[in-house]
Each structure stands twice: as structure tokens, then as C-alpha cells.
PDB file of N, CA and C in Angstrom:
ATOM      1  N   MET A   1       0.830  -1.177   0.000  1.00  0.00           N
ATOM      2  CA  MET A   1       0.000   0.000   0.000  1.00  0.00           C
ATOM      3  C   MET A   1       0.875   1.242   0.000  1.00  0.00           C
ATOM      4  N   ALA A   2       0.305   2.313  -0.449  1.00  0.00           N
ATOM      5  CA  ALA A   2       1.043   3.564  -0.481  1.00  0.00           C
ATOM      6  C   ALA A   2       1.259   4.085   0.931  1.00  0.00           C
ATOM      7  N   GLY A   3       2.462   4.511   1.214  1.00  0.00           N
ATOM      8  CA  GLY A   3       2.786   5.072   2.511  1.00  0.00           C
ATOM      9  C   GLY A   3       3.076   4.047   3.599  1.00  0.00           C
ATOM     10  N   GLU A   4       3.002   2.778   3.259  1.00  0.00           N
ATOM     11  CA  GLU A   4       3.256   1.735   4.251  1.00  0.00           C
ATOM     12  C   GLU A   4       4.745   1.434   4.283  1.00  0.00           C
ATOM     13  N   GLN A   5       5.309   1.367   5.491  1.00  0.00           N
ATOM     14  CA  GLN A   5       6.729   1.091   5.629  1.00  0.00           C
ATOM     15  C   GLN A   5       6.953  -0.390   5.840  1.00  0.00           C
ATOM     16  N   GLN A   6       8.043  -0.874   5.285  1.00  0.00           N
ATOM     17  CA  GLN A   6       8.393  -2.287   5.449  1.00  0.00           C
ATOM     18  C   GLN A   6       9.020  -2.482   6.824  1.00  0.00           C
ATOM     19  N   GLN A   7       8.515  -3.445   7.585  1.00  0.00           N
ATOM     20  CA  GLN A   7       9.033  -3.725   8.914  1.00  0.00           C
ATOM     21  C   GLN A   7      10.212  -4.686   8.814  1.00  0.00           C
ATOM     22  N   ARG A   8      11.241  -4.454   9.589  1.00  0.00           N
ATOM     23  CA  ARG A   8      12.387  -5.349   9.664  1.00  0.00           C
ATOM     24  C   ARG A   8      12.772  -5.498  11.117  1.00  0.00           C
ATOM     25  N   PRO A   9      13.344  -6.635  11.472  1.00  0.00           N
ATOM     26  CA  PRO A   9      13.673  -6.844  12.887  1.00  0.00           C
ATOM     27  C   PRO A   9      14.801  -5.922  13.344  1.00  0.00           C
ATOM     28  N   HIS A  10      14.655  -5.391  14.538  1.00  0.00           N
ATOM     29  CA  HIS A  10      15.678  -4.553  15.150  1.00  0.00           C
ATOM     30  C   HIS A  10      16.190  -5.297  16.363  1.00  0.00           C
ATOM     31  N   GLU A  11      17.474  -5.597  16.377  1.00  0.00           N
ATOM     32  CA  GLU A  11      18.059  -6.319  17.501  1.00  0.00           C
ATOM     33  C   GLU A  11      19.356  -5.661  17.920  1.00  0.00           C
ATOM     34  N   THR A  12      19.561  -5.568  19.205  1.00  0.00           N
ATOM     35  CA  THR A  12      20.830  -5.141  19.763  1.00  0.00           C
ATOM     36  C   THR A  12      21.139  -6.037  20.949  1.00  0.00           C
ATOM     37  N   ILE A  13      22.400  -6.140  21.283  1.00  0.00           N
ATOM     38  CA  ILE A  13      22.790  -6.937  22.440  1.00  0.00           C
ATOM     39  C   ILE A  13      22.528  -6.101  23.681  1.00  0.00           C
ATOM     40  N   ALA A  14      21.745  -6.644  24.582  1.00  0.00           N
ATOM     41  CA  ALA A  14      21.365  -5.917  25.790  1.00  0.00           C
ATOM     42  C   ALA A  14      22.440  -6.053  26.856  1.00  0.00           C
ATOM     43  N   PRO A  15      22.702  -4.989  27.596  1.00  0.00           N
ATOM     44  CA  PRO A  15      23.648  -5.101  28.712  1.00  0.00           C
ATOM     45  C   PRO A  15      23.017  -5.895  29.839  1.00  0.00           C
ATOM     46  N   HIS A  16      23.839  -6.422  30.717  1.00  0.00           N
ATOM     47  CA  HIS A  16      23.350  -7.201  31.853  1.00  0.00           C
ATOM     48  C   HIS A  16      22.869  -6.235  32.929  1.00  0.00           C
ATOM     49  N   ALA A  17      21.645  -5.791  32.807  1.00  0.00           N
ATOM     50  CA  ALA A  17      21.074  -4.819  33.739  1.00  0.00           C
ATOM     51  C   ALA A  17      19.985  -5.472  34.571  1.00  0.00           C
ATOM     52  N   GLY A  18      20.360  -6.477  35.333  1.00  0.00           N
ATOM     53  CA  GLY A  18      19.407  -7.118  36.207  1.00  0.00           C
ATOM     54  C   GLY A  18      18.584  -8.207  35.555  1.00  0.00           C
ATOM     55  N   HIS A  19      18.873  -8.551  34.312  1.00  0.00           N
ATOM     56  CA  HIS A  19      18.140  -9.608  33.632  1.00  0.00           C
ATOM     57  C   HIS A  19      18.852 -10.938  33.849  1.00  0.00           C
ATOM     58  N   GLU A  20      18.072 -11.995  33.967  1.00  0.00           N
ATOM     59  CA  GLU A  20      18.663 -13.308  34.177  1.00  0.00           C
ATOM     60  C   GLU A  20      19.379 -13.777  32.911  1.00  0.00           C
ATOM     61  N   GLN A  21      20.352 -14.654  33.082  1.00  0.00           N
ATOM     62  CA  GLN A  21      21.123 -15.193  31.965  1.00  0.00           C
ATOM     63  C   GLN A  21      20.223 -16.046  31.085  1.00  0.00           C
ATOM     64  N   GLN A  22      20.223 -15.774  29.790  1.00  0.00           N
ATOM     65  CA  GLN A  22      19.434 -16.539  28.835  1.00  0.00           C
ATOM     66  C   GLN A  22      20.220 -17.782  28.422  1.00  0.00           C
ATOM     67  N   VAL A  23      19.514 -18.861  28.099  1.00  0.00           N
ATOM     68  CA  VAL A  23      20.155 -20.099  27.652  1.00  0.00           C
ATOM     69  C   VAL A  23      19.540 -20.543  26.339  1.00  0.00           C
ATOM     70  N   CYS A  24      20.310 -21.303  25.574  1.00  0.00           N
ATOM     71  CA  CYS A  24      19.847 -21.860  24.303  1.00  0.00           C
ATOM     72  C   CYS A  24      18.772 -22.910  24.590  1.00  0.00           C
ATOM     73  N   PRO A  25      17.635 -22.844  23.884  1.00  0.00           N
ATOM     74  CA  PRO A  25      16.588 -23.833  24.131  1.00  0.00           C
ATOM     75  C   PRO A  25      16.959 -25.240  23.660  1.00  0.00           C
ATOM     76  N   ALA A  26      17.919 -25.358  22.743  1.00  0.00           N
ATOM     77  CA  ALA A  26      18.295 -26.668  22.208  1.00  0.00           C
ATOM     78  C   ALA A  26      19.356 -27.371  23.056  1.00  0.00           C
ATOM     79  N   CYS A  27      20.428 -26.644  23.435  1.00  0.00           N
ATOM     80  CA  CYS A  27      21.532 -27.306  24.137  1.00  0.00           C
ATOM     81  C   CYS A  27      21.709 -26.844  25.577  1.00  0.00           C
ATOM     82  N   GLY A  28      21.099 -25.725  25.962  1.00  0.00           N
ATOM     83  CA  GLY A  28      21.190 -25.252  27.335  1.00  0.00           C
ATOM     84  C   GLY A  28      22.424 -24.433  27.657  1.00  0.00           C
ATOM     85  N   SER A  29      23.267 -24.150  26.672  1.00  0.00           N
ATOM     86  CA  SER A  29      24.454 -23.337  26.949  1.00  0.00           C
ATOM     87  C   SER A  29      24.052 -21.860  27.035  1.00  0.00           C
ATOM     88  N   PRO A  30      24.797 -21.049  27.805  1.00  0.00           N
ATOM     89  CA  PRO A  30      24.452 -19.634  27.940  1.00  0.00           C
ATOM     90  C   PRO A  30      24.594 -18.890  26.607  1.00  0.00           C
ATOM     91  N   VAL A  31      23.659 -17.987  26.350  1.00  0.00           N
ATOM     92  CA  VAL A  31      23.696 -17.150  25.141  1.00  0.00           C
ATOM     93  C   VAL A  31      23.525 -15.697  25.563  1.00  0.00           C
ATOM     94  N   GLU A  32      23.823 -14.773  24.652  1.00  0.00           N
ATOM     95  CA  GLU A  32      23.659 -13.351  24.920  1.00  0.00           C
ATOM     96  C   GLU A  32      22.167 -13.020  25.028  1.00  0.00           C
ATOM     97  N   THR A  33      21.852 -11.982  25.775  1.00  0.00           N
ATOM     98  CA  THR A  33      20.492 -11.479  25.831  1.00  0.00           C
ATOM     99  C   THR A  33      20.361 -10.426  24.744  1.00  0.00           C
ATOM    100  N   VAL A  34      19.352 -10.572  23.895  1.00  0.00           N
ATOM    101  CA  VAL A  34      19.139  -9.665  22.779  1.00  0.00           C
ATOM    102  C   VAL A  34      17.903  -8.822  23.070  1.00  0.00           C
ATOM    103  N   LEU A  35      18.019  -7.536  22.848  1.00  0.00           N
ATOM    104  CA  LEU A  35      16.903  -6.629  23.021  1.00  0.00           C
ATOM    105  C   LEU A  35      16.243  -6.435  21.664  1.00  0.00           C
ATOM    106  N   ARG A  36      15.005  -6.866  21.570  1.00  0.00           N
ATOM    107  CA  ARG A  36      14.228  -6.677  20.341  1.00  0.00           C
ATOM    108  C   ARG A  36      13.141  -5.672  20.644  1.00  0.00           C
ATOM    109  N   ARG A  37      12.505  -5.169  19.613  1.00  0.00           N
ATOM    110  CA  ARG A  37      11.391  -4.265  19.842  1.00  0.00           C
ATOM    111  C   ARG A  37      10.256  -4.600  18.894  1.00  0.00           C
ATOM    112  N   ARG A  38       9.059  -4.367  19.385  1.00  0.00           N
ATOM    113  CA  ARG A  38       7.870  -4.564  18.568  1.00  0.00           C
ATOM    114  C   ARG A  38       7.007  -3.329  18.708  1.00  0.00           C
ATOM    115  N   LYS A  39       6.224  -3.072  17.699  1.00  0.00           N
ATOM    116  CA  LYS A  39       5.393  -1.891  17.719  1.00  0.00           C
ATOM    117  C   LYS A  39       3.994  -2.256  18.168  1.00  0.00           C
ATOM    118  N   SER A  40       3.468  -1.499  19.119  1.00  0.00           N
ATOM    119  CA  SER A  40       2.130  -1.729  19.637  1.00  0.00           C
ATOM    120  C   SER A  40       1.476  -0.371  19.887  1.00  0.00           C
ATOM    121  N   LEU A  41       0.358  -0.134  19.235  1.00  0.00           N
ATOM    122  CA  LEU A  41      -0.380   1.122  19.378  1.00  0.00           C
ATOM    123  C   LEU A  41       0.494   2.348  19.110  1.00  0.00           C
ATOM    124  N   GLY A  42       1.390   2.225  18.135  1.00  0.00           N
ATOM    125  CA  GLY A  42       2.206   3.360  17.719  1.00  0.00           C
ATOM    126  C   GLY A  42       3.480   3.583  18.501  1.00  0.00           C
ATOM    127  N   ILE A  43       3.775   2.739  19.504  1.00  0.00           N
ATOM    128  CA  ILE A  43       5.019   2.889  20.250  1.00  0.00           C
ATOM    129  C   ILE A  43       5.794   1.578  20.207  1.00  0.00           C
ATOM    130  N   PHE A  44       7.106   1.659  20.404  1.00  0.00           N
ATOM    131  CA  PHE A  44       7.942   0.469  20.400  1.00  0.00           C
ATOM    132  C   PHE A  44       8.062  -0.077  21.823  1.00  0.00           C
ATOM    133  N   ILE A  45       7.804  -1.376  21.970  1.00  0.00           N
ATOM    134  CA  ILE A  45       7.859  -2.074  23.246  1.00  0.00           C
ATOM    135  C   ILE A  45       9.126  -2.933  23.267  1.00  0.00           C
ATOM    136  N   PRO A  46      10.011  -2.778  24.276  1.00  0.00           N
ATOM    137  CA  PRO A  46      11.218  -3.618  24.331  1.00  0.00           C
ATOM    138  C   PRO A  46      10.884  -5.035  24.782  1.00  0.00           C
ATOM    139  N   GLU A  47      11.586  -5.999  24.202  1.00  0.00           N
ATOM    140  CA  GLU A  47      11.461  -7.406  24.584  1.00  0.00           C
ATOM    141  C   GLU A  47      12.856  -7.994  24.708  1.00  0.00           C
ATOM    142  N   TRP A  48      13.146  -8.600  25.845  1.00  0.00           N
ATOM    143  CA  TRP A  48      14.430  -9.269  26.033  1.00  0.00           C
ATOM    144  C   TRP A  48      14.248 -10.730  25.685  1.00  0.00           C
ATOM    145  N   ALA A  49      15.128 -11.246  24.814  1.00  0.00           N
ATOM    146  CA  ALA A  49      15.010 -12.619  24.337  1.00  0.00           C
ATOM    147  C   ALA A  49      16.395 -13.242  24.235  1.00  0.00           C
ATOM    148  N   PRO A  50      16.455 -14.579  24.204  1.00  0.00           N
ATOM    149  CA  PRO A  50      17.761 -15.218  24.016  1.00  0.00           C
ATOM    150  C   PRO A  50      18.291 -14.955  22.606  1.00  0.00           C
ATOM    151  N   GLY A  51      19.588 -14.699  22.523  1.00  0.00           N
ATOM    152  CA  GLY A  51      20.227 -14.469  21.233  1.00  0.00           C
ATOM    153  C   GLY A  51      20.598 -15.777  20.561  1.00  0.00           C
ATOM    154  N   PRO A  52      21.312 -15.701  19.441  1.00  0.00           N
ATOM    155  CA  PRO A  52      21.704 -16.915  18.727  1.00  0.00           C
ATOM    156  C   PRO A  52      22.735 -17.728  19.499  1.00  0.00           C
ATOM    157  N   CYS A  53      22.691 -19.038  19.323  1.00  0.00           N
ATOM    158  CA  CYS A  53      23.616 -19.943  20.003  1.00  0.00           C
ATOM    159  C   CYS A  53      24.959 -19.933  19.271  1.00  0.00           C
ATOM    160  N   ARG A  54      26.040 -19.825  20.023  1.00  0.00           N
ATOM    161  CA  ARG A  54      27.397 -19.801  19.457  1.00  0.00           C
ATOM    162  C   ARG A  54      28.142 -21.107  19.715  1.00  0.00           C
ATOM    163  N   ASN A  55      27.468 -22.132  20.222  1.00  0.00           N
ATOM    164  CA  ASN A  55      28.084 -23.434  20.485  1.00  0.00           C
ATOM    165  C   ASN A  55      28.126 -24.224  19.173  1.00  0.00           C
ATOM    166  N   PRO A  56      29.308 -24.511  18.594  1.00  0.00           N
ATOM    167  CA  PRO A  56      29.394 -25.197  17.302  1.00  0.00           C
ATOM    168  C   PRO A  56      28.832 -26.616  17.331  1.00  0.00           C
ATOM    169  N   GLU A  57      28.667 -27.211  18.502  1.00  0.00           N
ATOM    170  CA  GLU A  57      28.126 -28.566  18.587  1.00  0.00           C
ATOM    171  C   GLU A  57      26.599 -28.574  18.703  1.00  0.00           C
ATOM    172  N   CYS A  58      25.978 -27.407  18.756  1.00  0.00           N
ATOM    173  CA  CYS A  58      24.528 -27.287  18.929  1.00  0.00           C
ATOM    174  C   CYS A  58      23.808 -27.413  17.576  1.00  0.00           C
ATOM    175  N   ALA A  59      22.581 -27.928  17.614  1.00  0.00           N
ATOM    176  CA  ALA A  59      21.792 -28.106  16.388  1.00  0.00           C
ATOM    177  C   ALA A  59      21.330 -26.776  15.794  1.00  0.00           C
ATOM    178  N   VAL A  60      21.190 -25.730  16.623  1.00  0.00           N
ATOM    179  CA  VAL A  60      20.725 -24.426  16.129  1.00  0.00           C
ATOM    180  C   VAL A  60      21.859 -23.386  16.129  1.00  0.00           C
ATOM    181  N   TYR A  61      23.095 -23.836  15.976  1.00  0.00           N
ATOM    182  CA  TYR A  61      24.287 -22.980  15.973  1.00  0.00           C
ATOM    183  C   TYR A  61      24.204 -21.931  14.864  1.00  0.00           C
ATOM    184  N   VAL A  62      24.589 -20.682  15.198  1.00  0.00           N
ATOM    185  CA  VAL A  62      24.660 -19.596  14.228  1.00  0.00           C
ATOM    186  C   VAL A  62      26.087 -19.056  14.287  1.00  0.00           C
ATOM    187  N   ALA A  63      26.787 -19.068  13.146  1.00  0.00           N
ATOM    188  CA  ALA A  63      28.164 -18.588  13.090  1.00  0.00           C
ATOM    189  C   ALA A  63      28.206 -17.070  13.227  1.00  0.00           C
ATOM    190  N   LEU A  64      29.331 -16.544  13.741  1.00  0.00           N
ATOM    191  CA  LEU A  64      29.516 -15.108  13.860  1.00  0.00           C
ATOM    192  C   LEU A  64      29.572 -14.483  12.474  1.00  0.00           C
ATOM    193  N   GLU A  65      28.963 -13.318  12.334  1.00  0.00           N
ATOM    194  CA  GLU A  65      29.003 -12.594  11.061  1.00  0.00           C
ATOM    195  C   GLU A  65      30.260 -11.741  11.027  1.00  0.00           C
ATOM    196  N   GLY A  66      30.789 -11.589   9.857  1.00  0.00           N
ATOM    197  CA  GLY A  66      31.918 -10.685   9.756  1.00  0.00           C
ATOM    198  C   GLY A  66      33.091 -11.349   9.303  1.00  0.00           C
TER     199      GLY A  66
END
């Protein structure tokens, strides 16, 4: 539609500010906490979620970019 913006995921690594350590759902190893945002009623709501798993032996392993 005209004037509609394409949504894309926004993620940043969240600092450890009182949030519990996130773990990989597949292997249980610790992962970074990622701050995502979603839009609700015209404002962005922060959501803390587990980041990608960096354990090379894990089934859901994601290699570092760069």
C-alpha cells in the first residue's frame, strides 16, 4: 500500500542490567540477551530474548558474522 513502511527486525545486544542469563533452548548453553522491539499502538515495546547460540556442537548454531 502507499505510505506503508516495510518492517524489519531490530536487535541489539542488551547489557546485563538485572536480567537473568538466557540459555539456548536446544543445548542449554548460555547465550547473549538480545533486546528486540515490537510496535504496539504506535510505540515500540522492548522485549528481552535469548540471542543466537554460538556453540558449534549445537543443532541451532549460528556462526559469527563478519
